[in-house]
């Protein structure tokens, strides 16, 4: 794989993984505040 492309894919994957990790937590907080 091209070395200039690898960091971009890694950063995109990292952001996507963090978003998946944060979304359930954020949703739980939003639901708790709106009950």
C-alpha atoms as a PDB file:
ATOM      1  CA  UNK A   1       0.000   0.000   0.000  1.00  0.00           C
ATOM      2  CA  UNK A   2       1.171   3.512  -0.767  1.00  0.00           C
ATOM      3  CA  UNK A   3       2.739   5.081   2.319  1.00  0.00           C
ATOM      4  CA  UNK A   4       0.963   8.382   1.638  1.00  0.00           C
ATOM      5  CA  UNK A   5      -2.445   6.666   1.629  1.00  0.00           C
ATOM      6  CA  UNK A   6      -1.966   4.527   4.740  1.00  0.00           C
ATOM      7  CA  UNK A   7      -2.030   7.395   7.290  1.00  0.00           C
ATOM      8  CA  UNK A   8      -5.216   8.756   5.702  1.00  0.00           C
ATOM      9  CA  UNK A   9      -6.963   5.393   5.932  1.00  0.00           C
ATOM     10  CA  UNK A  10      -5.725   4.956   9.500  1.00  0.00           C
ATOM     11  CA  UNK A  11      -7.009   8.383  10.537  1.00  0.00           C
ATOM     12  CA  UNK A  12     -10.391   7.766   8.888  1.00  0.00           C
ATOM     13  CA  UNK A  13     -10.659   4.381  10.620  1.00  0.00           C
ATOM     14  CA  UNK A  14      -9.662   5.950  13.940  1.00  0.00           C
ATOM     15  CA  UNK A  15     -12.261   8.719  13.655  1.00  0.00           C
ATOM     16  CA  UNK A  16     -14.917   6.171  12.639  1.00  0.00           C
ATOM     17  CA  UNK A  17     -14.029   3.913  15.603  1.00  0.00           C
ATOM     18  CA  UNK A  18     -14.151   6.823  18.059  1.00  0.00           C
ATOM     19  CA  UNK A  19     -17.515   7.907  16.638  1.00  0.00           C
ATOM     20  CA  UNK A  20     -18.890   4.388  17.153  1.00  0.00           C
ATOM     21  CA  UNK A  21     -17.537   4.402  20.716  1.00  0.00           C
ATOM     22  CA  UNK A  22     -19.016   7.833  21.535  1.00  0.00           C
ATOM     23  CA  UNK A  23     -22.412   7.506  19.834  1.00  0.00           C
ATOM     24  CA  UNK A  24     -23.975   4.941  22.251  1.00  0.00           C
ATOM     25  CA  UNK A  25     -22.725   6.942  25.244  1.00  0.00           C
ATOM     26  CA  UNK A  26     -24.015  10.225  23.817  1.00  0.00           C
ATOM     27  CA  UNK A  27     -27.360   8.609  22.952  1.00  0.00           C
ATOM     28  CA  UNK A  28     -27.722   7.234  26.493  1.00  0.00           C
ATOM     29  CA  UNK A  29     -27.024  10.684  27.959  1.00  0.00           C
ATOM     30  CA  UNK A  30     -29.480  12.344  25.546  1.00  0.00           C
ATOM     31  CA  UNK A  31     -32.214   9.806  26.391  1.00  0.00           C
ATOM     32  CA  UNK A  32     -31.578  10.171  30.135  1.00  0.00           C
ATOM     33  CA  UNK A  33     -31.858  13.970  29.910  1.00  0.00           C
ATOM     34  CA  UNK A  34     -35.086  13.828  27.876  1.00  0.00           C
ATOM     35  CA  UNK A  35     -37.039  11.266  29.889  1.00  0.00           C
END
